[in-house]
């Protein structure tokens, strides 16, 4: 019987459900193959791979019958990995049997799109962003946000939100931004003194520099390292992008009609830039300045909350249990995790 085709995220989740071997097929892109040796001098490979749902790694020992096949793989190869995978406590999954074959063009397209459920959620997320930002009252911020989505939408939709830790996958930046947008809309209902248009625009732009700091190529699930990203970082890149788009609007036909609006256009631009440069919240974490406005504080905490809840979800799916209901610490989280309290399902009062 053919093994079920799983995404990397599904494969990880099912592997954590027990100690029995898992039979599965994965359609993945090879992102790296590292030739290494043990302390005894025996060669092995760390085989890194990814799909639209996430990334993982297999360790291929030199006594495995498929060792030579894996030694032929190169970064950017699209392959099927099919076989039996055995859970190893504290490590992950180790292949007991593995067959490798290249993917067809149609299989690559399907792998890039991800599962039907995930592809549908990403479409809905982008539509939510378009609708929410298209409803902004301030015409300057509305025009700026919609220009960004129109100009950079394809790159934004495939970008990751980070190299690791949270939303580190193709489409992760869209997921992270949309979830933050939902939180910001809700928070503005609780704290009506927040400048809603400014905060929502800040959510869109806060990590936009990630599209160049760690870009995801058009036909890839890899997260690249770039010279531009290393030299400047996503905060500086985001400020440069915002200023470029703002200048384009300023040279357009509508900007003159906005000159009488309050607050002044230049104040709006500077406050939005402040949201980008302060969103990490602390100088030690890379922000050139600390948050100094209500919207800047709100953006920082919304960003931090969404990132940490995403880390928790990943940790529960991957971390081994060191005791019943106690999960081993996953960095950068600061402690072991406890299994969440289950949903209440008792009798109604």
C-alpha atoms as a PDB file:
ATOM      1  CA  UNK A   1       0.000   0.000   0.000  1.00  0.00           C
ATOM      2  CA  UNK A   2       1.313   3.433  -0.933  1.00  0.00           C
ATOM      3  CA  UNK A   3       2.319   5.691   1.928  1.00  0.00           C
ATOM      4  CA  UNK A   4       0.082   8.737   2.520  1.00  0.00           C
ATOM      5  CA  UNK A   5       1.317  12.052   1.122  1.00  0.00           C
ATOM      6  CA  UNK A   6       1.859  14.468   4.021  1.00  0.00           C
ATOM      7  CA  UNK A   7       3.022  18.036   4.285  1.00  0.00           C
ATOM      8  CA  UNK A   8       6.083  18.658   6.438  1.00  0.00           C
ATOM      9  CA  UNK A   9       3.860  20.128   9.171  1.00  0.00           C
ATOM     10  CA  UNK A  10       1.523  17.112   9.086  1.00  0.00           C
ATOM     11  CA  UNK A  11       4.502  14.741   9.090  1.00  0.00           C
ATOM     12  CA  UNK A  12       5.943  16.440  12.184  1.00  0.00           C
ATOM     13  CA  UNK A  13       2.588  16.464  13.987  1.00  0.00           C
ATOM     14  CA  UNK A  14       1.851  12.795  13.313  1.00  0.00           C
ATOM     15  CA  UNK A  15       5.353  11.805  14.364  1.00  0.00           C
ATOM     16  CA  UNK A  16       4.741  13.374  17.765  1.00  0.00           C
ATOM     17  CA  UNK A  17       1.635  11.289  18.425  1.00  0.00           C
ATOM     18  CA  UNK A  18       3.377   8.088  19.391  1.00  0.00           C
ATOM     19  CA  UNK A  19       6.440   5.865  19.277  1.00  0.00           C
ATOM     20  CA  UNK A  20       5.379   3.681  16.337  1.00  0.00           C
ATOM     21  CA  UNK A  21       7.153   4.112  12.982  1.00  0.00           C
ATOM     22  CA  UNK A  22       5.443   6.506  10.605  1.00  0.00           C
ATOM     23  CA  UNK A  23       5.045   5.563   6.946  1.00  0.00           C
ATOM     24  CA  UNK A  24       4.666   8.613   4.707  1.00  0.00           C
ATOM     25  CA  UNK A  25       5.590  10.403   1.502  1.00  0.00           C
ATOM     26  CA  UNK A  26       6.837  13.994   1.435  1.00  0.00           C
ATOM     27  CA  UNK A  27       7.054  16.278  -1.609  1.00  0.00           C
ATOM     28  CA  UNK A  28       9.776  18.715  -0.641  1.00  0.00           C
ATOM     29  CA  UNK A  29      12.492  21.031  -1.859  1.00  0.00           C
ATOM     30  CA  UNK A  30      16.018  20.231  -0.709  1.00  0.00           C
ATOM     31  CA  UNK A  31      17.338  23.408   0.910  1.00  0.00           C
ATOM     32  CA  UNK A  32      20.750  22.086   1.982  1.00  0.00           C
ATOM     33  CA  UNK A  33      22.783  18.902   2.251  1.00  0.00           C
ATOM     34  CA  UNK A  34      25.606  19.093   4.786  1.00  0.00           C
ATOM     35  CA  UNK A  35      28.326  16.421   4.710  1.00  0.00           C
ATOM     36  CA  UNK A  36      29.507  15.824   8.267  1.00  0.00           C
ATOM     37  CA  UNK A  37      31.460  13.274  10.304  1.00  0.00           C
ATOM     38  CA  UNK A  38      30.957  11.794  13.736  1.00  0.00           C
ATOM     39  CA  UNK A  39      33.634  11.968  16.419  1.00  0.00           C
ATOM     40  CA  UNK A  40      34.675   8.496  15.258  1.00  0.00           C
ATOM     41  CA  UNK A  41      35.190   9.817  11.719  1.00  0.00           C
ATOM     42  CA  UNK A  42      32.123   8.185  10.158  1.00  0.00           C
ATOM     43  CA  UNK A  43      30.414  10.289   7.475  1.00  0.00           C
ATOM     44  CA  UNK A  44      26.758  11.270   7.528  1.00  0.00           C
ATOM     45  CA  UNK A  45      24.474  13.872   5.948  1.00  0.00           C
ATOM     46  CA  UNK A  46      22.174  16.429   7.485  1.00  0.00           C
ATOM     47  CA  UNK A  47      19.489  16.711   4.812  1.00  0.00           C
ATOM     48  CA  UNK A  48      17.433  19.888   5.146  1.00  0.00           C
ATOM     49  CA  UNK A  49      14.185  20.245   3.234  1.00  0.00           C
ATOM     50  CA  UNK A  50      11.025  22.336   3.132  1.00  0.00           C
ATOM     51  CA  UNK A  51       7.594  22.690   1.615  1.00  0.00           C
ATOM     52  CA  UNK A  52       4.896  25.355   1.878  1.00  0.00           C
ATOM     53  CA  UNK A  53       4.102  24.336   5.474  1.00  0.00           C
ATOM     54  CA  UNK A  54       7.553  24.396   7.036  1.00  0.00           C
ATOM     55  CA  UNK A  55      11.079  23.006   7.227  1.00  0.00           C
ATOM     56  CA  UNK A  56      12.768  20.017   8.803  1.00  0.00           C
ATOM     57  CA  UNK A  57      15.865  17.840   8.700  1.00  0.00           C
ATOM     58  CA  UNK A  58      16.791  14.178   8.365  1.00  0.00           C
ATOM     59  CA  UNK A  59      20.078  12.674   9.466  1.00  0.00           C
ATOM     60  CA  UNK A  60      21.310  10.102   6.955  1.00  0.00           C
ATOM     61  CA  UNK A  61      23.905   7.693   8.361  1.00  0.00           C
ATOM     62  CA  UNK A  62      26.580   6.174   6.143  1.00  0.00           C
ATOM     63  CA  UNK A  63      25.399   2.591   6.751  1.00  0.00           C
ATOM     64  CA  UNK A  64      21.933   3.333   5.353  1.00  0.00           C
ATOM     65  CA  UNK A  65      21.265   1.756   1.930  1.00  0.00           C
ATOM     66  CA  UNK A  66      19.990   5.135   0.690  1.00  0.00           C
ATOM     67  CA  UNK A  67      23.095   7.066   1.825  1.00  0.00           C
ATOM     68  CA  UNK A  68      24.557   7.304  -1.700  1.00  0.00           C
ATOM     69  CA  UNK A  69      21.221   8.426  -3.180  1.00  0.00           C
ATOM     70  CA  UNK A  70      21.002  11.249  -0.655  1.00  0.00           C
ATOM     71  CA  UNK A  71      24.589  12.225  -1.454  1.00  0.00           C
ATOM     72  CA  UNK A  72      23.467  13.101  -4.998  1.00  0.00           C
ATOM     73  CA  UNK A  73      20.880  15.620  -3.831  1.00  0.00           C
ATOM     74  CA  UNK A  74      21.543  19.329  -4.235  1.00  0.00           C
ATOM     75  CA  UNK A  75      19.880  22.490  -2.926  1.00  0.00           C
ATOM     76  CA  UNK A  76      16.800  23.441  -4.982  1.00  0.00           C
ATOM     77  CA  UNK A  77      16.128  19.821  -5.998  1.00  0.00           C
ATOM     78  CA  UNK A  78      12.433  18.923  -5.704  1.00  0.00           C
ATOM     79  CA  UNK A  79      12.015  15.306  -4.620  1.00  0.00           C
ATOM     80  CA  UNK A  80       9.696  12.789  -3.069  1.00  0.00           C
ATOM     81  CA  UNK A  81      10.959  11.240   0.157  1.00  0.00           C
ATOM     82  CA  UNK A  82       8.990   8.048   0.780  1.00  0.00           C
ATOM     83  CA  UNK A  83       9.531   5.497   3.480  1.00  0.00           C
ATOM     84  CA  UNK A  84       9.346   4.622   7.143  1.00  0.00           C
ATOM     85  CA  UNK A  85      10.398   7.114   9.797  1.00  0.00           C
ATOM     86  CA  UNK A  86      11.166   6.160  13.381  1.00  0.00           C
ATOM     87  CA  UNK A  87      10.804   8.654  16.282  1.00  0.00           C
ATOM     88  CA  UNK A  88      14.034   9.230  18.190  1.00  0.00           C
ATOM     89  CA  UNK A  89      13.432  10.924  21.582  1.00  0.00           C
ATOM     90  CA  UNK A  90      15.144  14.287  21.795  1.00  0.00           C
ATOM     91  CA  UNK A  91      16.046  14.258  18.119  1.00  0.00           C
ATOM     92  CA  UNK A  92      13.071  13.817  15.818  1.00  0.00           C
ATOM     93  CA  UNK A  93      12.512  11.297  13.031  1.00  0.00           C
ATOM     94  CA  UNK A  94      15.109   8.973  11.560  1.00  0.00           C
ATOM     95  CA  UNK A  95      14.476   7.214   8.238  1.00  0.00           C
ATOM     96  CA  UNK A  96      14.512   3.432   8.469  1.00  0.00           C
ATOM     97  CA  UNK A  97      13.658   2.997   4.787  1.00  0.00           C
ATOM     98  CA  UNK A  98      13.768   5.776   2.232  1.00  0.00           C
ATOM     99  CA  UNK A  99      13.126   6.020  -1.500  1.00  0.00           C
ATOM    100  CA  UNK A 100      14.027   9.231  -3.339  1.00  0.00           C
ATOM    101  CA  UNK A 101      12.754  10.348  -6.749  1.00  0.00           C
ATOM    102  CA  UNK A 102      12.510  13.726  -8.536  1.00  0.00           C
ATOM    103  CA  UNK A 103       9.126  15.429  -8.714  1.00  0.00           C
ATOM    104  CA  UNK A 104       7.304  16.191 -11.929  1.00  0.00           C
ATOM    105  CA  UNK A 105       6.510  19.783 -12.886  1.00  0.00           C
ATOM    106  CA  UNK A 106       2.894  19.393 -11.784  1.00  0.00           C
ATOM    107  CA  UNK A 107       3.964  17.929  -8.435  1.00  0.00           C
ATOM    108  CA  UNK A 108       6.271  20.901  -7.863  1.00  0.00           C
ATOM    109  CA  UNK A 109       3.394  23.307  -8.551  1.00  0.00           C
ATOM    110  CA  UNK A 110       1.226  21.458  -6.046  1.00  0.00           C
ATOM    111  CA  UNK A 111       3.989  21.509  -3.431  1.00  0.00           C
ATOM    112  CA  UNK A 112       4.486  25.258  -3.875  1.00  0.00           C
ATOM    113  CA  UNK A 113       0.760  25.874  -3.421  1.00  0.00           C
ATOM    114  CA  UNK A 114       0.552  23.724  -0.293  1.00  0.00           C
ATOM    115  CA  UNK A 115      -2.487  21.822   0.895  1.00  0.00           C
ATOM    116  CA  UNK A 116      -5.891  22.975  -0.322  1.00  0.00           C
ATOM    117  CA  UNK A 117      -6.762  24.088   3.203  1.00  0.00           C
ATOM    118  CA  UNK A 118      -3.628  26.192   3.584  1.00  0.00           C
ATOM    119  CA  UNK A 119      -3.910  27.704   0.100  1.00  0.00           C
ATOM    120  CA  UNK A 120      -7.514  28.673   0.850  1.00  0.00           C
ATOM    121  CA  UNK A 121      -6.549  30.267   4.164  1.00  0.00           C
ATOM    122  CA  UNK A 122      -3.795  32.332   2.532  1.00  0.00           C
ATOM    123  CA  UNK A 123      -6.225  33.558  -0.145  1.00  0.00           C
ATOM    124  CA  UNK A 124      -8.691  34.541   2.566  1.00  0.00           C
ATOM    125  CA  UNK A 125      -5.921  36.274   4.529  1.00  0.00           C
ATOM    126  CA  UNK A 126      -4.876  38.409   1.571  1.00  0.00           C
ATOM    127  CA  UNK A 127      -8.495  39.321   0.840  1.00  0.00           C
ATOM    128  CA  UNK A 128      -8.937  40.351   4.485  1.00  0.00           C
ATOM    129  CA  UNK A 129      -5.892  42.628   4.252  1.00  0.00           C
ATOM    130  CA  UNK A 130      -7.178  44.225   1.062  1.00  0.00           C
ATOM    131  CA  UNK A 131     -10.604  44.801   2.556  1.00  0.00           C
ATOM    132  CA  UNK A 132      -9.384  46.094   5.904  1.00  0.00           C
ATOM    133  CA  UNK A 133      -6.788  48.460   4.441  1.00  0.00           C
ATOM    134  CA  UNK A 134      -9.162  49.584   1.712  1.00  0.00           C
ATOM    135  CA  UNK A 135     -11.543  50.777   4.440  1.00  0.00           C
ATOM    136  CA  UNK A 136      -9.034  53.118   6.151  1.00  0.00           C
ATOM    137  CA  UNK A 137     -10.473  56.599   6.648  1.00  0.00           C
ATOM    138  CA  UNK A 138      -7.234  58.509   6.051  1.00  0.00           C
ATOM    139  CA  UNK A 139      -6.853  58.657   2.240  1.00  0.00           C
ATOM    140  CA  UNK A 140      -3.069  58.981   2.500  1.00  0.00           C
ATOM    141  CA  UNK A 141      -2.618  55.805   4.517  1.00  0.00           C
ATOM    142  CA  UNK A 142      -5.253  53.983   2.474  1.00  0.00           C
ATOM    143  CA  UNK A 143      -3.525  54.907  -0.800  1.00  0.00           C
ATOM    144  CA  UNK A 144      -0.105  54.003   0.615  1.00  0.00           C
ATOM    145  CA  UNK A 145      -1.201  50.563   1.822  1.00  0.00           C
ATOM    146  CA  UNK A 146      -3.054  49.676  -1.368  1.00  0.00           C
ATOM    147  CA  UNK A 147      -0.111  50.835  -3.483  1.00  0.00           C
ATOM    148  CA  UNK A 148       2.132  48.515  -1.480  1.00  0.00           C
ATOM    149  CA  UNK A 149      -0.199  45.529  -1.981  1.00  0.00           C
ATOM    150  CA  UNK A 150      -0.539  46.276  -5.683  1.00  0.00           C
ATOM    151  CA  UNK A 151       3.186  46.805  -6.265  1.00  0.00           C
ATOM    152  CA  UNK A 152       4.622  44.098  -4.011  1.00  0.00           C
ATOM    153  CA  UNK A 153       1.711  41.708  -3.454  1.00  0.00           C
ATOM    154  CA  UNK A 154       3.238  38.576  -5.067  1.00  0.00           C
ATOM    155  CA  UNK A 155       6.541  38.973  -3.184  1.00  0.00           C
ATOM    156  CA  UNK A 156       4.681  39.702   0.065  1.00  0.00           C
ATOM    157  CA  UNK A 157       2.413  36.664  -0.304  1.00  0.00           C
ATOM    158  CA  UNK A 158       5.288  34.201  -0.650  1.00  0.00           C
ATOM    159  CA  UNK A 159       7.654  35.766   1.929  1.00  0.00           C
ATOM    160  CA  UNK A 160       8.437  34.229   5.305  1.00  0.00           C
ATOM    161  CA  UNK A 161       8.204  36.224   8.525  1.00  0.00           C
ATOM    162  CA  UNK A 162      11.536  34.947   9.878  1.00  0.00           C
ATOM    163  CA  UNK A 163      14.371  32.523   9.203  1.00  0.00           C
ATOM    164  CA  UNK A 164      13.403  30.507  12.256  1.00  0.00           C
ATOM    165  CA  UNK A 165      11.323  30.583  15.447  1.00  0.00           C
ATOM    166  CA  UNK A 166       7.978  31.810  14.066  1.00  0.00           C
ATOM    167  CA  UNK A 167       6.165  31.786  10.705  1.00  0.00           C
ATOM    168  CA  UNK A 168       9.411  30.621   9.076  1.00  0.00           C
ATOM    169  CA  UNK A 169       7.771  29.282   5.926  1.00  0.00           C
ATOM    170  CA  UNK A 170       6.544  30.371   2.512  1.00  0.00           C
ATOM    171  CA  UNK A 171       3.528  32.609   3.135  1.00  0.00           C
ATOM    172  CA  UNK A 172       4.467  33.089   6.779  1.00  0.00           C
ATOM    173  CA  UNK A 173       4.691  36.882   6.527  1.00  0.00           C
ATOM    174  CA  UNK A 174       1.135  37.055   5.199  1.00  0.00           C
ATOM    175  CA  UNK A 175      -0.098  34.785   8.009  1.00  0.00           C
ATOM    176  CA  UNK A 176       1.714  36.797  10.677  1.00  0.00           C
ATOM    177  CA  UNK A 177       0.575  40.169   9.306  1.00  0.00           C
ATOM    178  CA  UNK A 178      -3.054  39.119   8.929  1.00  0.00           C
ATOM    179  CA  UNK A 179      -3.274  37.669  12.419  1.00  0.00           C
ATOM    180  CA  UNK A 180      -1.742  40.863  13.800  1.00  0.00           C
ATOM    181  CA  UNK A 181      -4.297  42.857  11.782  1.00  0.00           C
ATOM    182  CA  UNK A 182      -7.156  40.927  13.392  1.00  0.00           C
ATOM    183  CA  UNK A 183      -5.679  41.576  16.834  1.00  0.00           C
ATOM    184  CA  UNK A 184      -5.152  45.278  16.101  1.00  0.00           C
ATOM    185  CA  UNK A 185      -8.741  45.729  14.898  1.00  0.00           C
ATOM    186  CA  UNK A 186     -10.016  44.083  18.093  1.00  0.00           C
ATOM    187  CA  UNK A 187      -7.691  46.139  20.291  1.00  0.00           C
ATOM    188  CA  UNK A 188      -8.849  49.398  18.721  1.00  0.00           C
ATOM    189  CA  UNK A 189     -12.365  48.502  19.828  1.00  0.00           C
ATOM    190  CA  UNK A 190     -11.146  48.192  23.410  1.00  0.00           C
ATOM    191  CA  UNK A 191      -8.913  51.277  23.332  1.00  0.00           C
ATOM    192  CA  UNK A 192     -10.669  53.778  21.056  1.00  0.00           C
ATOM    193  CA  UNK A 193      -8.014  56.465  21.628  1.00  0.00           C
ATOM    194  CA  UNK A 194      -5.618  54.437  19.443  1.00  0.00           C
ATOM    195  CA  UNK A 195      -5.302  55.885  15.939  1.00  0.00           C
ATOM    196  CA  UNK A 196      -6.812  52.942  14.084  1.00  0.00           C
ATOM    197  CA  UNK A 197      -5.653  53.869  10.578  1.00  0.00           C
ATOM    198  CA  UNK A 198      -2.094  54.473  11.731  1.00  0.00           C
ATOM    199  CA  UNK A 199      -1.893  51.247  13.733  1.00  0.00           C
ATOM    200  CA  UNK A 200      -3.264  49.106  10.897  1.00  0.00           C
ATOM    201  CA  UNK A 201      -0.855  50.678   8.420  1.00  0.00           C
ATOM    202  CA  UNK A 202       1.947  49.974  10.901  1.00  0.00           C
ATOM    203  CA  UNK A 203       0.932  46.317  11.064  1.00  0.00           C
ATOM    204  CA  UNK A 204       1.235  46.073   7.275  1.00  0.00           C
ATOM    205  CA  UNK A 205       4.611  47.795   7.039  1.00  0.00           C
ATOM    206  CA  UNK A 206       6.366  46.717  10.248  1.00  0.00           C
ATOM    207  CA  UNK A 207       8.049  43.653   8.706  1.00  0.00           C
ATOM    208  CA  UNK A 208       7.880  44.560   5.013  1.00  0.00           C
ATOM    209  CA  UNK A 209      11.679  44.679   4.865  1.00  0.00           C
ATOM    210  CA  UNK A 210      11.699  40.907   5.432  1.00  0.00           C
ATOM    211  CA  UNK A 211      10.818  40.542   1.748  1.00  0.00           C
ATOM    212  CA  UNK A 212      14.398  41.613   0.928  1.00  0.00           C
ATOM    213  CA  UNK A 213      16.168  40.593   4.122  1.00  0.00           C
ATOM    214  CA  UNK A 214      15.120  36.933   3.787  1.00  0.00           C
ATOM    215  CA  UNK A 215      13.411  36.614   0.406  1.00  0.00           C
ATOM    216  CA  UNK A 216      11.601  33.523  -0.825  1.00  0.00           C
ATOM    217  CA  UNK A 217      12.159  33.037  -4.580  1.00  0.00           C
ATOM    218  CA  UNK A 218       9.120  32.785  -6.826  1.00  0.00           C
ATOM    219  CA  UNK A 219       9.403  29.026  -7.368  1.00  0.00           C
ATOM    220  CA  UNK A 220      10.943  27.984  -4.088  1.00  0.00           C
ATOM    221  CA  UNK A 221      10.137  27.407  -0.432  1.00  0.00           C
ATOM    222  CA  UNK A 222      13.650  28.325   0.702  1.00  0.00           C
ATOM    223  CA  UNK A 223      14.424  31.351   2.862  1.00  0.00           C
ATOM    224  CA  UNK A 224      17.480  33.040   1.432  1.00  0.00           C
ATOM    225  CA  UNK A 225      20.194  35.040   3.149  1.00  0.00           C
ATOM    226  CA  UNK A 226      21.082  38.226   1.245  1.00  0.00           C
ATOM    227  CA  UNK A 227      23.888  40.746   1.401  1.00  0.00           C
ATOM    228  CA  UNK A 228      21.318  43.547   1.517  1.00  0.00           C
ATOM    229  CA  UNK A 229      19.585  41.949   4.473  1.00  0.00           C
ATOM    230  CA  UNK A 230      22.822  41.381   6.349  1.00  0.00           C
ATOM    231  CA  UNK A 231      24.084  44.931   5.761  1.00  0.00           C
ATOM    232  CA  UNK A 232      20.854  46.812   6.431  1.00  0.00           C
ATOM    233  CA  UNK A 233      18.315  44.586   8.216  1.00  0.00           C
ATOM    234  CA  UNK A 234      14.584  44.600   7.651  1.00  0.00           C
ATOM    235  CA  UNK A 235      13.880  47.727   9.723  1.00  0.00           C
ATOM    236  CA  UNK A 236      16.100  49.942   7.565  1.00  0.00           C
ATOM    237  CA  UNK A 237      14.847  48.293   4.382  1.00  0.00           C
ATOM    238  CA  UNK A 238      11.237  48.834   5.490  1.00  0.00           C
ATOM    239  CA  UNK A 239      11.832  52.530   6.115  1.00  0.00           C
ATOM    240  CA  UNK A 240      13.429  52.921   2.692  1.00  0.00           C
ATOM    241  CA  UNK A 241      10.493  51.162   1.025  1.00  0.00           C
ATOM    242  CA  UNK A 242       7.916  53.259   2.853  1.00  0.00           C
ATOM    243  CA  UNK A 243       9.681  56.498   1.918  1.00  0.00           C
ATOM    244  CA  UNK A 244       9.899  55.402  -1.722  1.00  0.00           C
ATOM    245  CA  UNK A 245       6.162  54.656  -1.896  1.00  0.00           C
ATOM    246  CA  UNK A 246       5.352  57.892  -0.051  1.00  0.00           C
ATOM    247  CA  UNK A 247       7.437  59.886  -2.547  1.00  0.00           C
ATOM    248  CA  UNK A 248       5.575  58.229  -5.379  1.00  0.00           C
ATOM    249  CA  UNK A 249       2.248  59.306  -3.875  1.00  0.00           C
ATOM    250  CA  UNK A 250       3.587  62.811  -3.225  1.00  0.00           C
ATOM    251  CA  UNK A 251       4.391  63.171  -6.931  1.00  0.00           C
ATOM    252  CA  UNK A 252       0.923  61.968  -7.930  1.00  0.00           C
ATOM    253  CA  UNK A 253      -2.212  63.993  -8.675  1.00  0.00           C
ATOM    254  CA  UNK A 254      -4.018  63.372  -5.364  1.00  0.00           C
ATOM    255  CA  UNK A 255      -1.386  64.502  -2.908  1.00  0.00           C
ATOM    256  CA  UNK A 256      -1.965  68.239  -3.389  1.00  0.00           C
ATOM    257  CA  UNK A 257      -5.607  67.801  -2.398  1.00  0.00           C
ATOM    258  CA  UNK A 258      -4.459  66.207   0.867  1.00  0.00           C
ATOM    259  CA  UNK A 259      -2.314  69.143   1.952  1.00  0.00           C
ATOM    260  CA  UNK A 260      -5.121  70.653   4.003  1.00  0.00           C
ATOM    261  CA  UNK A 261      -5.783  67.461   5.958  1.00  0.00           C
ATOM    262  CA  UNK A 262      -5.011  67.147   9.655  1.00  0.00           C
ATOM    263  CA  UNK A 263      -2.756  65.778  10.965  1.00  0.00           C
ATOM    264  CA  UNK A 264      -0.240  67.069   8.412  1.00  0.00           C
ATOM    265  CA  UNK A 265       1.008  64.572   5.845  1.00  0.00           C
ATOM    266  CA  UNK A 266       4.584  64.880   7.055  1.00  0.00           C
ATOM    267  CA  UNK A 267       3.511  64.070  10.616  1.00  0.00           C
ATOM    268  CA  UNK A 268       1.637  60.998   9.355  1.00  0.00           C
ATOM    269  CA  UNK A 269       4.717  59.776   7.497  1.00  0.00           C
ATOM    270  CA  UNK A 270       6.997  60.239  10.505  1.00  0.00           C
ATOM    271  CA  UNK A 271       4.621  58.511  12.912  1.00  0.00           C
ATOM    272  CA  UNK A 272       4.334  55.551  10.536  1.00  0.00           C
ATOM    273  CA  UNK A 273       8.111  55.372  10.227  1.00  0.00           C
ATOM    274  CA  UNK A 274       8.311  55.381  14.023  1.00  0.00           C
ATOM    275  CA  UNK A 275       6.145  52.270  14.135  1.00  0.00           C
ATOM    276  CA  UNK A 276       8.616  50.459  11.892  1.00  0.00           C
ATOM    277  CA  UNK A 277      11.762  51.525  13.734  1.00  0.00           C
ATOM    278  CA  UNK A 278      10.411  50.857  17.242  1.00  0.00           C
ATOM    279  CA  UNK A 279       8.407  47.654  16.773  1.00  0.00           C
ATOM    280  CA  UNK A 280      11.034  45.362  18.350  1.00  0.00           C
ATOM    281  CA  UNK A 281      10.420  47.267  21.546  1.00  0.00           C
ATOM    282  CA  UNK A 282      13.959  47.360  22.935  1.00  0.00           C
ATOM    283  CA  UNK A 283      17.310  48.680  21.742  1.00  0.00           C
ATOM    284  CA  UNK A 284      18.899  45.310  22.554  1.00  0.00           C
ATOM    285  CA  UNK A 285      16.466  43.592  20.169  1.00  0.00           C
ATOM    286  CA  UNK A 286      17.332  45.796  17.207  1.00  0.00           C
ATOM    287  CA  UNK A 287      15.001  48.776  17.461  1.00  0.00           C
ATOM    288  CA  UNK A 288      16.903  52.029  16.782  1.00  0.00           C
ATOM    289  CA  UNK A 289      14.499  53.820  19.141  1.00  0.00           C
ATOM    290  CA  UNK A 290      12.081  52.731  21.846  1.00  0.00           C
ATOM    291  CA  UNK A 291       8.301  52.973  21.323  1.00  0.00           C
ATOM    292  CA  UNK A 292       7.165  56.541  22.081  1.00  0.00           C
ATOM    293  CA  UNK A 293       3.501  56.638  21.014  1.00  0.00           C
ATOM    294  CA  UNK A 294       0.409  54.619  21.966  1.00  0.00           C
ATOM    295  CA  UNK A 295       0.319  52.999  18.528  1.00  0.00           C
ATOM    296  CA  UNK A 296       4.009  52.072  18.747  1.00  0.00           C
ATOM    297  CA  UNK A 297       3.506  50.328  22.102  1.00  0.00           C
ATOM    298  CA  UNK A 298       0.416  48.557  20.802  1.00  0.00           C
ATOM    299  CA  UNK A 299       2.187  47.377  17.655  1.00  0.00           C
ATOM    300  CA  UNK A 300       5.149  46.042  19.592  1.00  0.00           C
ATOM    301  CA  UNK A 301       2.981  43.988  21.954  1.00  0.00           C
ATOM    302  CA  UNK A 302       0.721  42.694  19.170  1.00  0.00           C
ATOM    303  CA  UNK A 303       3.794  41.603  17.200  1.00  0.00           C
ATOM    304  CA  UNK A 304       5.366  39.941  20.223  1.00  0.00           C
ATOM    305  CA  UNK A 305       2.139  38.183  21.218  1.00  0.00           C
ATOM    306  CA  UNK A 306       1.529  36.704  17.784  1.00  0.00           C
ATOM    307  CA  UNK A 307       5.138  35.552  17.433  1.00  0.00           C
ATOM    308  CA  UNK A 308       5.148  33.836  20.828  1.00  0.00           C
ATOM    309  CA  UNK A 309       1.813  32.114  20.387  1.00  0.00           C
ATOM    310  CA  UNK A 310       3.075  30.776  17.053  1.00  0.00           C
ATOM    311  CA  UNK A 311       6.232  29.521  18.804  1.00  0.00           C
ATOM    312  CA  UNK A 312       4.072  27.781  21.397  1.00  0.00           C
ATOM    313  CA  UNK A 313       2.051  26.025  18.707  1.00  0.00           C
ATOM    314  CA  UNK A 314       5.244  24.768  17.083  1.00  0.00           C
ATOM    315  CA  UNK A 315       6.757  23.723  20.381  1.00  0.00           C
ATOM    316  CA  UNK A 316       3.747  21.616  21.382  1.00  0.00           C
ATOM    317  CA  UNK A 317       3.883  19.898  17.985  1.00  0.00           C
ATOM    318  CA  UNK A 318       7.626  19.140  18.054  1.00  0.00           C
ATOM    319  CA  UNK A 319       9.081  19.176  21.575  1.00  0.00           C
ATOM    320  CA  UNK A 320       9.532  15.850  23.370  1.00  0.00           C
ATOM    321  CA  UNK A 321       7.803  15.342  26.711  1.00  0.00           C
ATOM    322  CA  UNK A 322      10.181  15.172  29.660  1.00  0.00           C
ATOM    323  CA  UNK A 323       7.310  14.103  31.928  1.00  0.00           C
ATOM    324  CA  UNK A 324       3.593  13.540  31.318  1.00  0.00           C
ATOM    325  CA  UNK A 325       2.221  16.873  30.131  1.00  0.00           C
ATOM    326  CA  UNK A 326       5.596  18.641  30.425  1.00  0.00           C
ATOM    327  CA  UNK A 327       7.376  19.563  27.180  1.00  0.00           C
ATOM    328  CA  UNK A 328      11.085  20.213  26.835  1.00  0.00           C
ATOM    329  CA  UNK A 329      12.047  23.856  26.436  1.00  0.00           C
ATOM    330  CA  UNK A 330      12.267  25.122  22.852  1.00  0.00           C
ATOM    331  CA  UNK A 331      14.354  28.249  22.345  1.00  0.00           C
ATOM    332  CA  UNK A 332      13.845  31.171  22.423  1.00  0.00           C
ATOM    333  CA  UNK A 333      10.997  30.387  24.840  1.00  0.00           C
ATOM    334  CA  UNK A 334      12.268  30.658  28.385  1.00  0.00           C
ATOM    335  CA  UNK A 335      11.041  27.486  30.077  1.00  0.00           C
ATOM    336  CA  UNK A 336       9.527  24.042  29.762  1.00  0.00           C
ATOM    337  CA  UNK A 337       5.926  24.118  28.595  1.00  0.00           C
ATOM    338  CA  UNK A 338       2.889  22.550  30.203  1.00  0.00           C
ATOM    339  CA  UNK A 339       0.146  20.963  28.126  1.00  0.00           C
ATOM    340  CA  UNK A 340      -2.702  23.505  27.811  1.00  0.00           C
ATOM    341  CA  UNK A 341      -5.890  23.059  29.774  1.00  0.00           C
ATOM    342  CA  UNK A 342      -8.501  21.288  27.706  1.00  0.00           C
ATOM    343  CA  UNK A 343     -11.724  22.891  26.549  1.00  0.00           C
ATOM    344  CA  UNK A 344     -14.606  22.832  29.009  1.00  0.00           C
ATOM    345  CA  UNK A 345     -17.230  20.352  27.849  1.00  0.00           C
ATOM    346  CA  UNK A 346     -19.214  19.717  31.031  1.00  0.00           C
ATOM    347  CA  UNK A 347     -22.979  19.907  31.379  1.00  0.00           C
ATOM    348  CA  UNK A 348     -24.608  23.310  30.906  1.00  0.00           C
ATOM    349  CA  UNK A 349     -25.842  24.977  34.061  1.00  0.00           C
END
